Amino acid sequence: MDILYLLVPMSVFAMLGILGVFAWALRAGQFDEIDAVGQQILAASDAAPGAVLDPDQGPTGQAAEESEATSRHRHRSPS
């Protein structure tokens, strides 16, 4: 029961610390325009304008090697 004298104040201080960090984030504008950032990510494209990306084209380079290794691992018969 004596441990409560330690745990209750520690939990109160932890709660106040979390609320302080949350208040700081609100004042700093961390939660402003969350949806706009997501839209920017979806709208951004590395492809040249008018380029058509072929979904049937396989991966190249290191990605192809990793893909082949993964597919071999999946198709291995259980022993």
PDB file of N, CA and C in Angstrom:
ATOM      1  N   MET A   1       0.819  -1.192   0.000  1.00  0.00           N
ATOM      2  CA  MET A   1       0.000   0.000   0.000  1.00  0.00           C
ATOM      3  C   MET A   1       0.869   1.264   0.000  1.00  0.00           C
ATOM      4  N   ASP A   2       2.072   1.144   0.570  1.00  0.00           N
ATOM      5  CA  ASP A   2       2.957   2.310   0.612  1.00  0.00           C
ATOM      6  C   ASP A   2       3.433   2.727  -0.779  1.00  0.00           C
ATOM      7  N   ILE A   3       3.402   1.794  -1.734  1.00  0.00           N
ATOM      8  CA  ILE A   3       3.860   2.106  -3.077  1.00  0.00           C
ATOM      9  C   ILE A   3       2.964   3.148  -3.731  1.00  0.00           C
ATOM     10  N   LEU A   4       1.721   3.246  -3.288  1.00  0.00           N
ATOM     11  CA  LEU A   4       0.808   4.239  -3.855  1.00  0.00           C
ATOM     12  C   LEU A   4       1.301   5.667  -3.597  1.00  0.00           C
ATOM     13  N   TYR A   5       2.016   5.876  -2.499  1.00  0.00           N
ATOM     14  CA  TYR A   5       2.565   7.204  -2.217  1.00  0.00           C
ATOM     15  C   TYR A   5       3.602   7.607  -3.271  1.00  0.00           C
ATOM     16  N   LEU A   6       4.183   6.641  -3.935  1.00  0.00           N
ATOM     17  CA  LEU A   6       5.137   6.909  -4.999  1.00  0.00           C
ATOM     18  C   LEU A   6       4.455   6.917  -6.369  1.00  0.00           C
ATOM     19  N   LEU A   7       3.583   5.949  -6.627  1.00  0.00           N
ATOM     20  CA  LEU A   7       2.989   5.798  -7.951  1.00  0.00           C
ATOM     21  C   LEU A   7       1.988   6.895  -8.306  1.00  0.00           C
ATOM     22  N   VAL A   8       1.197   7.331  -7.371  1.00  0.00           N
ATOM     23  CA  VAL A   8       0.191   8.361  -7.667  1.00  0.00           C
ATOM     24  C   VAL A   8       0.853   9.680  -8.058  1.00  0.00           C
ATOM     25  N   PRO A   9       1.799  10.209  -7.290  1.00  0.00           N
ATOM     26  CA  PRO A   9       2.451  11.444  -7.746  1.00  0.00           C
ATOM     27  C   PRO A   9       3.222  11.278  -9.058  1.00  0.00           C
ATOM     28  N   MET A  10       3.846  10.114  -9.255  1.00  0.00           N
ATOM     29  CA  MET A  10       4.556   9.894 -10.509  1.00  0.00           C
ATOM     30  C   MET A  10       3.595   9.901 -11.696  1.00  0.00           C
ATOM     31  N   SER A  11       2.427   9.297 -11.537  1.00  0.00           N
ATOM     32  CA  SER A  11       1.463   9.276 -12.635  1.00  0.00           C
ATOM     33  C   SER A  11       0.885  10.666 -12.886  1.00  0.00           C
ATOM     34  N   VAL A  12       0.715  11.461 -11.834  1.00  0.00           N
ATOM     35  CA  VAL A  12       0.226  12.836 -12.007  1.00  0.00           C
ATOM     36  C   VAL A  12       1.252  13.666 -12.763  1.00  0.00           C
ATOM     37  N   PHE A  13       2.528  13.540 -12.402  1.00  0.00           N
ATOM     38  CA  PHE A  13       3.582  14.280 -13.101  1.00  0.00           C
ATOM     39  C   PHE A  13       3.712  13.812 -14.560  1.00  0.00           C
ATOM     40  N   ALA A  14       3.573  12.521 -14.787  1.00  0.00           N
ATOM     41  CA  ALA A  14       3.635  12.005 -16.151  1.00  0.00           C
ATOM     42  C   ALA A  14       2.473  12.554 -16.980  1.00  0.00           C
ATOM     43  N   MET A  15       1.290  12.583 -16.401  1.00  0.00           N
ATOM     44  CA  MET A  15       0.121  13.116 -17.095  1.00  0.00           C
ATOM     45  C   MET A  15       0.310  14.597 -17.402  1.00  0.00           C
ATOM     46  N   LEU A  16       0.824  15.362 -16.451  1.00  0.00           N
ATOM     47  CA  LEU A  16       1.068  16.785 -16.692  1.00  0.00           C
ATOM     48  C   LEU A  16       2.129  16.991 -17.767  1.00  0.00           C
ATOM     49  N   GLY A  17       3.135  16.129 -17.794  1.00  0.00           N
ATOM     50  CA  GLY A  17       4.156  16.213 -18.836  1.00  0.00           C
ATOM     51  C   GLY A  17       3.580  15.928 -20.216  1.00  0.00           C
ATOM     52  N   ILE A  18       2.751  14.924 -20.310  1.00  0.00           N
ATOM     53  CA  ILE A  18       2.127  14.586 -21.591  1.00  0.00           C
ATOM     54  C   ILE A  18       1.213  15.716 -22.038  1.00  0.00           C
ATOM     55  N   LEU A  19       0.430  16.268 -21.129  1.00  0.00           N
ATOM     56  CA  LEU A  19      -0.440  17.396 -21.476  1.00  0.00           C
ATOM     57  C   LEU A  19       0.380  18.609 -21.896  1.00  0.00           C
ATOM     58  N   GLY A  20       1.524  18.829 -21.254  1.00  0.00           N
ATOM     59  CA  GLY A  20       2.394  19.945 -21.628  1.00  0.00           C
ATOM     60  C   GLY A  20       2.956  19.783 -23.029  1.00  0.00           C
ATOM     61  N   VAL A  21       3.384  18.575 -23.367  1.00  0.00           N
ATOM     62  CA  VAL A  21       3.898  18.320 -24.714  1.00  0.00           C
ATOM     63  C   VAL A  21       2.781  18.484 -25.744  1.00  0.00           C
ATOM     64  N   PHE A  22       1.595  18.028 -25.421  1.00  0.00           N
ATOM     65  CA  PHE A  22       0.457  18.167 -26.330  1.00  0.00           C
ATOM     66  C   PHE A  22       0.105  19.636 -26.527  1.00  0.00           C
ATOM     67  N   ALA A  23       0.099  20.418 -25.454  1.00  0.00           N
ATOM     68  CA  ALA A  23      -0.189  21.850 -25.565  1.00  0.00           C
ATOM     69  C   ALA A  23       0.874  22.554 -26.392  1.00  0.00           C
ATOM     70  N   TRP A  24       2.140  22.177 -26.207  1.00  0.00           N
ATOM     71  CA  TRP A  24       3.219  22.760 -27.007  1.00  0.00           C
ATOM     72  C   TRP A  24       3.017  22.440 -28.486  1.00  0.00           C
ATOM     73  N   ALA A  25       2.641  21.197 -28.790  1.00  0.00           N
ATOM     74  CA  ALA A  25       2.428  20.797 -30.182  1.00  0.00           C
ATOM     75  C   ALA A  25       1.257  21.572 -30.790  1.00  0.00           C
ATOM     76  N   LEU A  26       0.215  21.795 -30.026  1.00  0.00           N
ATOM     77  CA  LEU A  26      -0.914  22.579 -30.533  1.00  0.00           C
ATOM     78  C   LEU A  26      -0.496  24.013 -30.833  1.00  0.00           C
ATOM     79  N   ARG A  27       0.246  24.639 -29.913  1.00  0.00           N
ATOM     80  CA  ARG A  27       0.685  26.019 -30.127  1.00  0.00           C
ATOM     81  C   ARG A  27       1.685  26.138 -31.262  1.00  0.00           C
ATOM     82  N   ALA A  28       2.475  25.101 -31.485  1.00  0.00           N
ATOM     83  CA  ALA A  28       3.488  25.127 -32.544  1.00  0.00           C
ATOM     84  C   ALA A  28       2.888  24.841 -33.915  1.00  0.00           C
ATOM     85  N   GLY A  29       1.604  24.485 -33.964  1.00  0.00           N
ATOM     86  CA  GLY A  29       0.952  24.245 -35.244  1.00  0.00           C
ATOM     87  C   GLY A  29       1.204  22.867 -35.818  1.00  0.00           C
ATOM     88  N   GLN A  30       1.519  21.902 -34.965  1.00  0.00           N
ATOM     89  CA  GLN A  30       1.805  20.556 -35.447  1.00  0.00           C
ATOM     90  C   GLN A  30       0.577  19.862 -36.032  1.00  0.00           C
ATOM     91  N   PHE A  31      -0.615  20.292 -35.652  1.00  0.00           N
ATOM     92  CA  PHE A  31      -1.826  19.627 -36.099  1.00  0.00           C
ATOM     93  C   PHE A  31      -2.601  20.470 -37.107  1.00  0.00           C
ATOM     94  N   ASP A  32      -1.984  21.505 -37.654  1.00  0.00           N
ATOM     95  CA  ASP A  32      -2.645  22.337 -38.657  1.00  0.00           C
ATOM     96  C   ASP A  32      -2.557  21.665 -40.018  1.00  0.00           C
ATOM     97  N   GLU A  33      -3.642  21.660 -40.725  1.00  0.00           N
ATOM     98  CA  GLU A  33      -3.721  21.172 -42.097  1.00  0.00           C
ATOM     99  C   GLU A  33      -3.144  19.775 -42.277  1.00  0.00           C
ATOM    100  N   ILE A  34      -3.572  18.856 -41.474  1.00  0.00           N
ATOM    101  CA  ILE A  34      -3.094  17.479 -41.580  1.00  0.00           C
ATOM    102  C   ILE A  34      -3.548  16.878 -42.905  1.00  0.00           C
ATOM    103  N   ASP A  35      -4.783  17.165 -43.325  1.00  0.00           N
ATOM    104  CA  ASP A  35      -5.297  16.601 -44.569  1.00  0.00           C
ATOM    105  C   ASP A  35      -4.570  17.155 -45.785  1.00  0.00           C
ATOM    106  N   ALA A  36      -4.161  18.419 -45.733  1.00  0.00           N
ATOM    107  CA  ALA A  36      -3.483  19.027 -46.876  1.00  0.00           C
ATOM    108  C   ALA A  36      -2.151  18.342 -47.144  1.00  0.00           C
ATOM    109  N   VAL A  37      -1.431  17.945 -46.104  1.00  0.00           N
ATOM    110  CA  VAL A  37      -0.153  17.267 -46.279  1.00  0.00           C
ATOM    111  C   VAL A  37      -0.378  15.907 -46.938  1.00  0.00           C
ATOM    112  N   GLY A  38      -1.410  15.201 -46.525  1.00  0.00           N
ATOM    113  CA  GLY A  38      -1.724  13.914 -47.139  1.00  0.00           C
ATOM    114  C   GLY A  38      -2.073  14.061 -48.612  1.00  0.00           C
ATOM    115  N   GLN A  39      -2.810  15.108 -48.949  1.00  0.00           N
ATOM    116  CA  GLN A  39      -3.155  15.350 -50.345  1.00  0.00           C
ATOM    117  C   GLN A  39      -1.916  15.675 -51.168  1.00  0.00           C
ATOM    118  N   GLN A  40      -0.971  16.410 -50.580  1.00  0.00           N
ATOM    119  CA  GLN A  40       0.265  16.732 -51.298  1.00  0.00           C
ATOM    120  C   GLN A  40       1.061  15.471 -51.612  1.00  0.00           C
ATOM    121  N   ILE A  41       1.088  14.546 -50.675  1.00  0.00           N
ATOM    122  CA  ILE A  41       1.817  13.305 -50.895  1.00  0.00           C
ATOM    123  C   ILE A  41       1.180  12.509 -52.025  1.00  0.00           C
ATOM    124  N   LEU A  42      -0.156  12.450 -52.026  1.00  0.00           N
ATOM    125  CA  LEU A  42      -0.836  11.692 -53.064  1.00  0.00           C
ATOM    126  C   LEU A  42      -0.727  12.363 -54.428  1.00  0.00           C
ATOM    127  N   ALA A  43      -0.684  13.682 -54.455  1.00  0.00           N
ATOM    128  CA  ALA A  43      -0.629  14.411 -55.723  1.00  0.00           C
ATOM    129  C   ALA A  43       0.773  14.433 -56.307  1.00  0.00           C
ATOM    130  N   ALA A  44       1.786  14.321 -55.468  1.00  0.00           N
ATOM    131  CA  ALA A  44       3.168  14.376 -55.957  1.00  0.00           C
ATOM    132  C   ALA A  44       3.482  13.122 -56.754  1.00  0.00           C
ATOM    133  N   SER A  45       4.222  13.307 -57.844  1.00  0.00           N
ATOM    134  CA  SER A  45       4.579  12.165 -58.677  1.00  0.00           C
ATOM    135  C   SER A  45       5.974  12.376 -59.232  1.00  0.00           C
ATOM    136  N   ASP A  46       6.758  11.321 -59.218  1.00  0.00           N
ATOM    137  CA  ASP A  46       8.108  11.384 -59.778  1.00  0.00           C
ATOM    138  C   ASP A  46       8.101  11.124 -61.279  1.00  0.00           C
ATOM    139  N   ALA A  47       6.995  10.627 -61.805  1.00  0.00           N
ATOM    140  CA  ALA A  47       6.921  10.300 -63.220  1.00  0.00           C
ATOM    141  C   ALA A  47       6.813  11.576 -64.046  1.00  0.00           C
ATOM    142  N   ALA A  48       7.333  11.500 -65.262  1.00  0.00           N
ATOM    143  CA  ALA A  48       7.243  12.642 -66.171  1.00  0.00           C
ATOM    144  C   ALA A  48       5.781  12.845 -66.565  1.00  0.00           C
ATOM    145  N   PRO A  49       5.373  14.083 -66.835  1.00  0.00           N
ATOM    146  CA  PRO A  49       3.988  14.326 -67.237  1.00  0.00           C
ATOM    147  C   PRO A  49       3.650  13.541 -68.504  1.00  0.00           C
ATOM    148  N   GLY A  50       2.531  12.858 -68.483  1.00  0.00           N
ATOM    149  CA  GLY A  50       2.102  12.080 -69.632  1.00  0.00           C
ATOM    150  C   GLY A  50       2.684  10.684 -69.682  1.00  0.00           C
ATOM    151  N   ALA A  51       3.567  10.330 -68.753  1.00  0.00           N
ATOM    152  CA  ALA A  51       4.167   8.996 -68.749  1.00  0.00           C
ATOM    153  C   ALA A  51       3.151   7.979 -68.265  1.00  0.00           C
ATOM    154  N   VAL A  52       3.180   6.811 -68.877  1.00  0.00           N
ATOM    155  CA  VAL A  52       2.273   5.741 -68.487  1.00  0.00           C
ATOM    156  C   VAL A  52       3.102   4.682 -67.779  1.00  0.00           C
ATOM    157  N   LEU A  53       2.729   4.387 -66.559  1.00  0.00           N
ATOM    158  CA  LEU A  53       3.432   3.353 -65.804  1.00  0.00           C
ATOM    159  C   LEU A  53       2.763   2.019 -66.073  1.00  0.00           C
ATOM    160  N   ASP A  54       3.527   1.050 -66.531  1.00  0.00           N
ATOM    161  CA  ASP A  54       3.007  -0.260 -66.877  1.00  0.00           C
ATOM    162  C   ASP A  54       2.965  -1.124 -65.624  1.00  0.00           C
ATOM    163  N   PRO A  55       1.771  -1.491 -65.141  1.00  0.00           N
ATOM    164  CA  PRO A  55       1.704  -2.300 -63.920  1.00  0.00           C
ATOM    165  C   PRO A  55       2.205  -3.727 -64.133  1.00  0.00           C
ATOM    166  N   ASP A  56       2.274  -4.190 -65.394  1.00  0.00           N
ATOM    167  CA  ASP A  56       2.739  -5.546 -65.658  1.00  0.00           C
ATOM    168  C   ASP A  56       4.257  -5.640 -65.734  1.00  0.00           C
ATOM    169  N   GLN A  57       4.933  -4.506 -65.749  1.00  0.00           N
ATOM    170  CA  GLN A  57       6.386  -4.509 -65.837  1.00  0.00           C
ATOM    171  C   GLN A  57       6.950  -4.948 -64.494  1.00  0.00           C
ATOM    172  N   GLY A  58       7.875  -5.889 -64.533  1.00  0.00           N
ATOM    173  CA  GLY A  58       8.447  -6.429 -63.316  1.00  0.00           C
ATOM    174  C   GLY A  58       9.470  -5.499 -62.710  1.00  0.00           C
ATOM    175  N   PRO A  59       9.862  -5.751 -61.472  1.00  0.00           N
ATOM    176  CA  PRO A  59      10.877  -4.922 -60.825  1.00  0.00           C
ATOM    177  C   PRO A  59      12.246  -5.164 -61.460  1.00  0.00           C
ATOM    178  N   THR A  60      13.124  -4.192 -61.329  1.00  0.00           N
ATOM    179  CA  THR A  60      14.458  -4.308 -61.903  1.00  0.00           C
ATOM    180  C   THR A  60      15.498  -4.150 -60.812  1.00  0.00           C
ATOM    181  N   GLY A  61      16.718  -4.583 -61.121  1.00  0.00           N
ATOM    182  CA  GLY A  61      17.842  -4.375 -60.210  1.00  0.00           C
ATOM    183  C   GLY A  61      17.716  -5.154 -58.925  1.00  0.00           C
ATOM    184  N   GLN A  62      18.066  -4.484 -57.835  1.00  0.00           N
ATOM    185  CA  GLN A  62      18.078  -5.121 -56.522  1.00  0.00           C
ATOM    186  C   GLN A  62      16.677  -5.566 -56.118  1.00  0.00           C
ATOM    187  N   ALA A  63      15.672  -4.802 -56.506  1.00  0.00           N
ATOM    188  CA  ALA A  63      14.302  -5.168 -56.163  1.00  0.00           C
ATOM    189  C   ALA A  63      13.930  -6.500 -56.794  1.00  0.00           C
ATOM    190  N   ALA A  64      14.400  -6.749 -58.026  1.00  0.00           N
ATOM    191  CA  ALA A  64      14.104  -8.014 -58.694  1.00  0.00           C
ATOM    192  C   ALA A  64      14.749  -9.174 -57.946  1.00  0.00           C
ATOM    193  N   GLU A  65      15.990  -8.994 -57.508  1.00  0.00           N
ATOM    194  CA  GLU A  65      16.671 -10.054 -56.778  1.00  0.00           C
ATOM    195  C   GLU A  65      15.942 -10.368 -55.479  1.00  0.00           C
ATOM    196  N   GLU A  66      15.508  -9.326 -54.767  1.00  0.00           N
ATOM    197  CA  GLU A  66      14.783  -9.535 -53.515  1.00  0.00           C
ATOM    198  C   GLU A  66      13.452 -10.204 -53.782  1.00  0.00           C
ATOM    199  N   SER A  67      12.787  -9.815 -54.870  1.00  0.00           N
ATOM    200  CA  SER A  67      11.501 -10.397 -55.220  1.00  0.00           C
ATOM    201  C   SER A  67      11.647 -11.875 -55.544  1.00  0.00           C
ATOM    202  N   GLU A  68      12.690 -12.229 -56.314  1.00  0.00           N
ATOM    203  CA  GLU A  68      12.924 -13.631 -56.654  1.00  0.00           C
ATOM    204  C   GLU A  68      13.235 -14.445 -55.408  1.00  0.00           C
ATOM    205  N   ALA A  69      14.034 -13.898 -54.512  1.00  0.00           N
ATOM    206  CA  ALA A  69      14.378 -14.607 -53.272  1.00  0.00           C
ATOM    207  C   ALA A  69      13.134 -14.824 -52.426  1.00  0.00           C
ATOM    208  N   THR A  70      12.266 -13.833 -52.382  1.00  0.00           N
ATOM    209  CA  THR A  70      11.033 -13.951 -51.601  1.00  0.00           C
ATOM    210  C   THR A  70      10.119 -14.993 -52.212  1.00  0.00           C
ATOM    211  N   SER A  71       9.985 -14.988 -53.547  1.00  0.00           N
ATOM    212  CA  SER A  71       9.088 -15.950 -54.186  1.00  0.00           C
ATOM    213  C   SER A  71       9.635 -17.370 -54.033  1.00  0.00           C
ATOM    214  N   ARG A  72      10.963 -17.560 -54.105  1.00  0.00           N
ATOM    215  CA  ARG A  72      11.536 -18.889 -53.890  1.00  0.00           C
ATOM    216  C   ARG A  72      11.256 -19.368 -52.474  1.00  0.00           C
ATOM    217  N   HIS A  73      11.340 -18.435 -51.516  1.00  0.00           N
ATOM    218  CA  HIS A  73      11.109 -18.789 -50.119  1.00  0.00           C
ATOM    219  C   HIS A  73       9.653 -19.205 -49.908  1.00  0.00           C
ATOM    220  N   ARG A  74       8.729 -18.530 -50.574  1.00  0.00           N
ATOM    221  CA  ARG A  74       7.303 -18.845 -50.421  1.00  0.00           C
ATOM    222  C   ARG A  74       6.955 -20.196 -51.022  1.00  0.00           C
ATOM    223  N   HIS A  75       7.585 -20.545 -52.140  1.00  0.00           N
ATOM    224  CA  HIS A  75       7.224 -21.755 -52.861  1.00  0.00           C
ATOM    225  C   HIS A  75       7.985 -22.990 -52.373  1.00  0.00           C
ATOM    226  N   ARG A  76       8.818 -22.815 -51.385  1.00  0.00           N
ATOM    227  CA  ARG A  76       9.587 -23.942 -50.852  1.00  0.00           C
ATOM    228  C   ARG A  76       8.621 -24.890 -50.140  1.00  0.00           C
ATOM    229  N   SER A  77       8.767 -26.162 -50.381  1.00  0.00           N
ATOM    230  CA  SER A  77       7.876 -27.138 -49.748  1.00  0.00           C
ATOM    231  C   SER A  77       8.278 -27.310 -48.288  1.00  0.00           C
ATOM    232  N   PRO A  78       7.294 -27.462 -47.414  1.00  0.00           N
ATOM    233  CA  PRO A  78       7.611 -27.628 -45.994  1.00  0.00           C
ATOM    234  C   PRO A  78       8.306 -28.969 -45.755  1.00  0.00           C
ATOM    235  N   SER A  79       9.272 -28.958 -44.865  1.00  0.00           N
ATOM    236  CA  SER A  79       9.991 -30.205 -44.576  1.00  0.00           C
ATOM    237  C   SER A  79       9.735 -30.670 -43.178  1.00  0.00           C
TER     238      SER A  79
END
